[in-house]
N, C-alpha and C. Protein backbone atom coordinates (compact mmCIF):
# COMPACT_ATOMS: atom_id res chain seq x y z
N UNK A 1 0.73 -1.32 -0.06
CA UNK A 1 -0.03 -0.13 -0.07
C UNK A 1 1.00 1.31 0.28
N UNK A 2 0.26 2.58 -0.42
CA UNK A 2 0.95 2.96 -0.05
C UNK A 2 0.54 4.51 0.84
N UNK A 3 1.27 5.23 0.47
CA UNK A 3 1.99 6.35 1.75
C UNK A 3 -0.30 6.85 1.93
N UNK A 4 -0.69 6.92 0.34
CA UNK A 4 -1.92 7.57 0.00
C UNK A 4 -2.95 7.22 0.90
N UNK A 5 -2.70 5.33 0.73
CA UNK A 5 -4.17 4.80 0.81
C UNK A 5 -3.97 4.96 2.08
N UNK A 6 -3.10 4.66 2.96
CA UNK A 6 -2.90 4.91 4.63
C UNK A 6 -3.13 5.70 4.65
N UNK A 7 -3.21 6.79 4.09
CA UNK A 7 -3.90 7.96 5.14
C UNK A 7 -5.13 8.21 4.62
N UNK A 8 -5.00 7.55 3.57
CA UNK A 8 -7.00 7.63 3.12
C UNK A 8 -7.66 7.01 4.47
N UNK A 9 -7.86 5.39 4.22
CA UNK A 9 -7.55 5.37 5.55
C UNK A 9 -8.11 5.36 6.49
N UNK A 10 -6.73 5.93 7.05
CA UNK A 10 -7.01 6.19 8.90
C UNK A 10 -7.97 7.89 8.33
N UNK A 11 -8.15 8.41 7.65
CA UNK A 11 -8.86 9.67 7.30
C UNK A 11 -10.36 8.53 7.63
N UNK A 12 -10.40 7.98 7.37
CA UNK A 12 -12.50 7.50 6.70
C UNK A 12 -12.66 7.04 8.04
N UNK A 13 -11.50 6.57 8.67
CA UNK A 13 -11.19 5.80 9.92
C UNK A 13 -11.76 6.74 10.67
N UNK A 14 -11.00 7.32 11.80
CA UNK A 14 -11.48 8.41 12.23
C UNK A 14 -12.18 9.43 11.99
N UNK A 15 -12.87 9.20 10.28
CA UNK A 15 -14.29 10.23 10.55
C UNK A 15 -15.69 8.88 10.79
N UNK A 16 -15.38 7.99 10.73
CA UNK A 16 -16.33 6.69 10.72
C UNK A 16 -16.36 6.55 12.37
N UNK A 17 -15.54 6.64 13.32
CA UNK A 17 -14.84 6.39 14.38
C UNK A 17 -15.55 7.90 15.39
N UNK A 18 -15.56 8.84 14.82
CA UNK A 18 -16.11 10.20 15.41
C UNK A 18 -17.45 10.13 15.18
N UNK A 19 -17.91 10.29 16.36
CA UNK A 19 -19.26 10.31 15.94
C UNK A 19 -19.90 11.91 16.88
N UNK A 20 -20.45 12.84 16.92
CA UNK A 20 -20.99 13.16 18.06
C UNK A 20 -22.14 12.83 19.20
N UNK A 21 -21.87 13.53 19.73
CA UNK A 21 -22.29 12.99 21.22
C UNK A 21 -23.84 13.62 22.03
N UNK A 22 -24.81 12.87 21.21
CA UNK A 22 -25.54 13.43 21.54
C UNK A 22 -26.32 13.17 23.01
N UNK A 23 -26.98 14.90 23.23
CA UNK A 23 -27.42 14.43 24.43
C UNK A 23 -27.90 13.85 24.99
N UNK A 24 -28.80 12.99 26.17
CA UNK A 24 -30.02 12.38 26.06
C UNK A 24 -30.67 13.71 26.62
N UNK A 25 -32.24 13.10 25.44
CA UNK A 25 -33.19 14.47 25.97
C UNK A 25 -33.90 13.73 27.33
N UNK A 26 -34.72 14.98 27.66
CA UNK A 26 -34.56 14.51 28.87
C UNK A 26 -36.17 15.47 28.56
N UNK A 27 -37.24 14.50 29.43
CA UNK A 27 -38.22 14.04 29.67
C UNK A 27 -38.96 15.77 29.74
N UNK A 28 -39.65 15.92 29.22
CA UNK A 28 -40.62 17.39 28.45
C UNK A 28 -41.27 17.44 29.17
N UNK A 29 -42.41 16.69 30.60
CA UNK A 29 -42.52 16.98 30.91
C UNK A 29 -42.18 16.97 32.91
N UNK A 30 -41.99 17.79 33.15
CA UNK A 30 -41.74 17.31 35.13
C UNK A 30 -43.00 17.09 35.79
N UNK A 31 -43.91 18.38 35.37
CA UNK A 31 -45.55 18.18 36.39
C UNK A 31 -45.95 16.92 36.08
N UNK A 32 -45.84 15.99 34.70
CA UNK A 32 -46.92 15.23 34.36
C UNK A 32 -45.82 14.38 35.28
N UNK A 33 -44.84 13.91 35.23
CA UNK A 33 -43.89 12.80 35.79
C UNK A 33 -44.28 12.75 37.48
N UNK A 34 -44.21 14.03 38.36
CA UNK A 34 -44.11 14.49 39.41
C UNK A 34 -45.84 14.03 39.87
N UNK A 35 -46.78 14.09 39.07
CA UNK A 35 -48.80 14.61 39.56
C UNK A 35 -48.27 12.83 39.15
N UNK A 36 -47.80 12.27 38.62
CA UNK A 36 -48.27 11.25 37.91
C UNK A 36 -47.70 10.09 39.22
N UNK A 37 -47.09 10.13 40.04
CA UNK A 37 -46.26 9.77 40.65
C UNK A 37 -45.05 8.74 40.28
N UNK A 38 -44.78 8.96 38.82
CA UNK A 38 -43.23 8.03 39.25
C UNK A 38 -42.34 9.35 39.09
N UNK A 39 -42.15 9.70 40.43
CA UNK A 39 -41.46 10.69 39.86
C UNK A 39 -40.95 9.70 41.89
N UNK A 40 -42.02 9.64 42.25
CA UNK A 40 -41.50 9.25 43.99
C UNK A 40 -41.18 7.66 43.78
N UNK A 41 -41.42 6.82 42.77
CA UNK A 41 -40.67 5.92 43.08
C UNK A 41 -39.87 5.59 42.70
N UNK A 42 -38.75 6.53 42.36
CA UNK A 42 -37.47 6.02 41.89
C UNK A 42 -36.56 6.27 42.98
N UNK A 43 -35.20 5.53 42.81
CA UNK A 43 -34.98 5.03 43.96
C UNK A 43 -34.42 6.02 45.02
N UNK A 44 -33.42 7.19 44.36
CA UNK A 44 -32.95 8.41 44.32
C UNK A 44 -33.72 9.06 45.46
N UNK A 45 -35.27 8.77 44.81
CA UNK A 45 -36.52 9.76 45.90
C UNK A 45 -36.19 8.91 46.77
N UNK A 46 -36.55 7.67 46.84
CA UNK A 46 -36.62 6.99 47.85
C UNK A 46 -35.76 6.75 48.87
N UNK A 47 -34.28 7.15 48.39
CA UNK A 47 -33.42 6.64 49.55
C UNK A 47 -33.15 8.37 50.61
N UNK A 48 -33.57 9.57 49.83
CA UNK A 48 -34.00 10.31 50.17
C UNK A 48 -34.72 10.76 50.67
N UNK A 49 -35.89 9.79 51.37
CA UNK A 49 -36.98 10.17 52.06
C UNK A 49 -36.76 10.59 53.23
N UNK A 50 -35.60 10.01 54.12
CA UNK A 50 -35.52 11.09 55.90
C UNK A 50 -35.03 11.66 55.76
N UNK A 51 -34.72 12.11 54.87
CA UNK A 51 -33.97 13.36 54.62
C UNK A 51 -35.10 14.90 54.36
N UNK A 52 -36.11 14.04 53.43
CA UNK A 52 -37.36 15.30 52.94
C UNK A 52 -37.73 15.07 53.56
N UNK A 53 -38.62 14.18 54.83
CA UNK A 53 -39.32 14.45 56.01
C UNK A 53 -38.19 15.13 56.86
N UNK A 54 -37.69 15.36 57.49
CA UNK A 54 -36.12 15.91 57.83
C UNK A 54 -36.70 17.79 57.72
N UNK A 55 -36.64 17.85 56.20
CA UNK A 55 -36.84 19.48 55.62
C UNK A 55 -38.18 19.90 55.64
N UNK A 56 -38.83 18.99 55.96
CA UNK A 56 -40.55 19.13 56.54
C UNK A 56 -40.40 19.86 57.75
N UNK A 57 -40.02 19.05 58.69
CA UNK A 57 -40.42 18.19 60.08
C UNK A 57 -39.84 20.68 59.88
N UNK A 58 -38.86 21.43 59.29
CA UNK A 58 -37.69 21.91 59.52
C UNK A 58 -38.68 22.93 59.58
N UNK A 59 -39.54 23.24 57.29
CA UNK A 59 -40.28 24.35 57.62
C UNK A 59 -41.94 24.00 58.99
N UNK A 60 -42.51 23.40 58.80
CA UNK A 60 -43.50 23.73 60.27
C UNK A 60 -42.94 24.52 61.38
N UNK A 61 -41.66 23.57 61.49
CA UNK A 61 -41.24 24.28 63.14
C UNK A 61 -41.01 25.46 62.77
N UNK A 62 -40.31 25.92 61.43
CA UNK A 62 -39.82 27.20 61.09
C UNK A 62 -41.59 28.12 61.11
N UNK A 63 -41.72 27.84 61.01
CA UNK A 63 -43.75 28.88 60.59
C UNK A 63 -44.17 28.15 61.96
N UNK A 64 -45.04 27.70 62.28
CA UNK A 64 -45.10 27.88 63.70
C UNK A 64 -44.18 28.59 64.90
N UNK A 65 -42.92 28.67 64.72
CA UNK A 65 -42.10 29.57 65.43
C UNK A 65 -43.16 30.77 65.08
N UNK A 66 -42.46 31.24 63.52
CA UNK A 66 -43.26 32.72 63.03
C UNK A 66 -44.44 33.52 63.47
N UNK A 67 -45.83 32.30 64.25
CA UNK A 67 -46.37 33.12 64.23
C UNK A 67 -46.18 33.46 65.96
N UNK A 68 -45.47 32.23 66.72
CA UNK A 68 -45.95 32.27 67.59
C UNK A 68 -44.72 34.14 67.89
N UNK A 69 -43.99 33.73 67.26
CA UNK A 69 -43.56 35.61 67.59
C UNK A 69 -44.34 36.96 67.47
N UNK A 70 -44.52 36.53 66.04
CA UNK A 70 -45.56 37.46 66.12
C UNK A 70 -46.71 37.30 67.06
N UNK A 71 -47.40 36.63 67.73
CA UNK A 71 -48.29 36.74 68.78
C UNK A 71 -47.61 37.34 69.92
N UNK A 72 -46.07 37.23 70.48
CA UNK A 72 -45.88 37.05 71.19
C UNK A 72 -45.73 39.47 71.48
N UNK A 73 -45.46 39.67 70.32
CA UNK A 73 -45.90 40.89 69.27
C UNK A 73 -46.60 41.44 69.62
N UNK A 74 -47.57 41.18 69.22
CA UNK A 74 -48.68 41.97 69.40
C UNK A 74 -49.63 41.79 70.71
N UNK A 75 -49.18 41.28 71.73
CA UNK A 75 -48.79 41.00 73.68
C UNK A 75 -48.05 41.74 73.94
N UNK A 76 -46.74 41.80 73.43
CA UNK A 76 -46.03 43.13 74.39
C UNK A 76 -46.88 44.48 73.59
N UNK A 77 -47.01 45.01 73.04
CA UNK A 77 -47.76 46.40 71.74
C UNK A 77 -49.15 46.32 73.35
N UNK A 78 -50.04 45.61 73.07
CA UNK A 78 -51.18 45.38 74.28
C UNK A 78 -50.74 46.08 75.61
N UNK A 79 -49.93 45.41 75.83
CA UNK A 79 -48.93 45.19 77.21
C UNK A 79 -48.10 46.73 77.78
N UNK A 80 -47.83 47.03 76.83
CA UNK A 80 -47.39 48.23 76.59
C UNK A 80 -48.44 49.77 76.72
N UNK A 81 -49.49 49.31 76.09
CA UNK A 81 -50.69 50.46 75.93
C UNK A 81 -51.07 50.22 77.41
N UNK A 82 -50.55 49.85 77.78
CA UNK A 82 -51.65 49.74 79.41
C UNK A 82 -50.53 49.58 80.50
N UNK A 83 -49.53 49.25 80.17
CA UNK A 83 -48.88 50.68 80.69
C UNK A 83 -48.62 51.72 81.79
N UNK A 84 -48.51 51.86 79.65
CA UNK A 84 -49.06 53.88 79.62
C UNK A 84 -50.45 54.46 80.57
N UNK A 85 -51.64 53.92 79.73
CA UNK A 85 -52.62 54.14 80.39
C UNK A 85 -52.85 54.28 81.59
N UNK A 86 -52.01 52.68 82.29
CA UNK A 86 -51.99 52.79 84.26
C UNK A 86 -51.06 53.81 85.05
N UNK A 87 -49.45 54.30 84.45
CA UNK A 87 -49.07 55.17 84.55
C UNK A 87 -49.86 56.22 84.59
N UNK A 88 -51.18 57.21 83.78
CA UNK A 88 -51.68 58.30 83.43
C UNK A 88 -52.69 57.77 84.67
N UNK A 89 -52.99 56.87 84.93
CA UNK A 89 -54.00 56.54 85.79
C UNK A 89 -53.34 57.18 87.39
N UNK A 90 -52.22 56.78 87.48
CA UNK A 90 -51.41 57.20 88.79
C UNK A 90 -51.14 58.15 88.64
N UNK A 91 -50.41 59.22 87.87
CA UNK A 91 -50.23 60.33 88.60
C UNK A 91 -51.93 60.87 88.40
N UNK A 92 -52.92 61.00 87.52
CA UNK A 92 -53.67 61.68 88.47
C UNK A 92 -54.54 61.43 90.27
N UNK A 93 -54.27 60.05 90.30
CA UNK A 93 -54.11 59.65 91.40
C UNK A 93 -53.64 60.58 92.35
N UNK A 94 -52.21 60.61 91.91
CA UNK A 94 -51.54 60.84 92.98
C UNK A 94 -51.64 61.88 92.82
N UNK A 95 -51.80 63.35 91.92
CA UNK A 95 -52.15 64.34 92.09
C UNK A 95 -53.41 64.79 92.84
N UNK A 96 -54.69 63.78 92.64
CA UNK A 96 -55.78 64.24 93.59
C UNK A 96 -55.41 63.60 94.97
N UNK A 97 -54.67 62.85 95.34
CA UNK A 97 -54.62 62.78 96.72
C UNK A 97 -53.73 63.82 97.66
N UNK A 98 -52.89 64.37 96.52
CA UNK A 98 -52.09 65.99 97.06
C UNK A 98 -52.93 66.74 97.05
N UNK A 99 -53.38 66.68 95.87
CA UNK A 99 -55.19 68.17 97.12
C UNK A 99 -55.68 67.82 97.69
N UNK A 100 -56.23 66.34 97.88
CA UNK A 100 -56.81 66.42 99.20
C UNK A 100 -56.41 66.10 100.84
N UNK A 101 -54.93 66.70 100.22
CA UNK A 101 -53.67 66.50 101.57
C UNK A 101 -54.10 67.95 101.92
N UNK A 102 -53.79 68.21 101.52
CA UNK A 102 -53.76 70.35 101.71
C UNK A 102 -54.61 70.31 102.94
N UNK A 103 -54.30 70.62 103.96
CA UNK A 103 -54.34 71.97 105.64
C UNK A 103 -55.59 71.73 104.90
N UNK A 104 -55.80 73.24 104.36
CA UNK A 104 -57.08 73.93 104.15
C UNK A 104 -58.13 72.31 103.42
N UNK A 105 -58.13 71.94 102.96
CA UNK A 105 -59.22 71.06 102.07
C UNK A 105 -59.31 69.58 102.97
N UNK A 106 -58.88 69.84 103.67
CA UNK A 106 -58.92 69.22 105.03
C UNK A 106 -59.31 69.70 106.09
N UNK A 107 -59.53 70.64 106.27
CA UNK A 107 -60.18 71.41 106.86
C UNK A 107 -61.66 72.16 106.52
N UNK A 108 -61.36 72.20 104.96
CA UNK A 108 -63.02 71.85 103.97
C UNK A 108 -63.88 71.14 104.60
N UNK A 109 -63.46 70.50 104.30
CA UNK A 109 -63.96 68.69 104.24
C UNK A 109 -64.57 68.38 105.82
N UNK A 110 -63.19 68.97 107.04
CA UNK A 110 -64.25 68.65 108.32
C UNK A 110 -64.92 69.46 108.92
N UNK A 111 -65.02 70.55 107.76
CA UNK A 111 -66.35 71.66 108.14
C UNK A 111 -67.92 70.96 108.47
N UNK A 112 -67.61 69.87 107.73
CA UNK A 112 -69.31 69.01 106.61
C UNK A 112 -69.45 67.91 108.32
N UNK A 113 -68.37 67.78 109.01
CA UNK A 113 -68.99 66.97 109.81
C UNK A 113 -68.84 68.04 111.08
N UNK A 114 -69.10 69.31 111.70
CA UNK A 114 -68.77 69.66 112.47
C UNK A 114 -67.88 69.88 112.87
N UNK A 115 -66.46 70.16 112.98
CA UNK A 115 -65.44 70.08 113.57
C UNK A 115 -64.86 71.05 113.07
N UNK A 116 -63.95 71.92 113.87
CA UNK A 116 -63.36 73.29 113.65
C UNK A 116 -62.39 73.07 113.83
N UNK A 117 -61.36 74.13 112.81
CA UNK A 117 -59.69 74.24 112.55
C UNK A 117 -59.33 75.07 114.31
N UNK A 118 -58.18 74.56 115.34
CA UNK A 118 -58.70 75.85 116.50
C UNK A 118 -57.13 76.83 115.72
N UNK A 119 -57.85 77.72 116.46
CA UNK A 119 -56.83 78.89 116.39
C UNK A 119 -56.07 79.66 117.98
N UNK A 120 -55.90 78.74 118.61
CA UNK A 120 -55.56 78.36 119.59
C UNK A 120 -54.17 77.74 119.33
N UNK A 121 -52.75 78.21 119.69
CA UNK A 121 -51.43 76.89 119.56
C UNK A 121 -51.57 75.93 120.81
N UNK A 122 -50.50 74.84 120.15
CA UNK A 122 -50.42 73.64 120.97
C UNK A 122 -49.46 74.69 121.92
N UNK A 123 -49.88 74.17 123.00
CA UNK A 123 -48.40 73.93 123.60
C UNK A 123 -47.96 72.51 125.10
N UNK A 124 -47.29 72.92 125.22
CA UNK A 124 -46.60 71.23 126.48
C UNK A 124 -47.57 71.39 128.07
N UNK A 125 -48.35 70.24 128.18
CA UNK A 125 -48.31 70.20 129.03
C UNK A 125 -47.62 69.49 130.83
N UNK A 126 -47.31 70.11 131.61
CA UNK A 126 -46.63 69.22 132.26
C UNK A 126 -47.34 68.73 133.50
N UNK A 127 -46.91 67.84 133.69
CA UNK A 127 -47.56 67.32 134.94
C UNK A 127 -46.18 66.86 136.20
N UNK A 128 -46.20 66.24 137.39
CA UNK A 128 -46.03 65.61 138.76
C UNK A 128 -46.30 64.48 138.70
N UNK A 129 -45.68 63.42 139.32
CA UNK A 129 -45.60 62.41 139.51
C UNK A 129 -46.53 62.19 140.61
N UNK A 130 -47.17 62.89 142.10
CA UNK A 130 -48.37 63.23 142.75
C UNK A 130 -49.33 63.59 142.11
N UNK A 131 -49.48 63.81 140.93
CA UNK A 131 -50.50 63.94 140.33
C UNK A 131 -50.11 62.69 139.45
N UNK A 132 -49.61 61.34 139.20
CA UNK A 132 -50.58 61.15 138.29
C UNK A 132 -50.41 59.84 139.54
N UNK A 133 -50.49 60.68 140.66
CA UNK A 133 -50.57 59.33 141.36
C UNK A 133 -52.13 59.07 141.83
N UNK A 134 -52.69 60.29 141.46
CA UNK A 134 -53.95 60.12 142.09
C UNK A 134 -55.14 59.81 141.44
N UNK A 135 -54.28 59.04 140.32
CA UNK A 135 -55.69 58.86 138.99
C UNK A 135 -55.39 57.18 139.42
N UNK A 136 -54.27 56.78 139.86
CA UNK A 136 -53.85 55.04 140.27
C UNK A 136 -55.07 54.94 140.63
N UNK A 137 -55.09 54.91 141.90
CA UNK A 137 -56.12 54.88 143.44
C UNK A 137 -57.84 54.41 142.65
């Protein structure tokens, strides 16, 4: 054989041996496969089932935690409003008590019961031991 024939044979073999790699066709209906149940029967899904259950439980815990946090925030806001109202009530009650505790106000209210404020200043009473002995008899 001549060199030309060898080159020709080699090039024809190379052409016949080199085939373009075809990509496997994907199923164009992934939703149909999931809804049909074929997807759940695959071994890879069954092997990962404990992990999927774990992920689902984490999602449920996350949702429950969110609801609990929202409920707690609402309670905190409600208590803040209640504290504000109680603070106003405390201030009002304290000022009312201070008003009724004044000497003039006490004297005015005592007048309704027939009590009068004395005009005589207070004085000390001195006693001796003899005067207390007469009371003991």
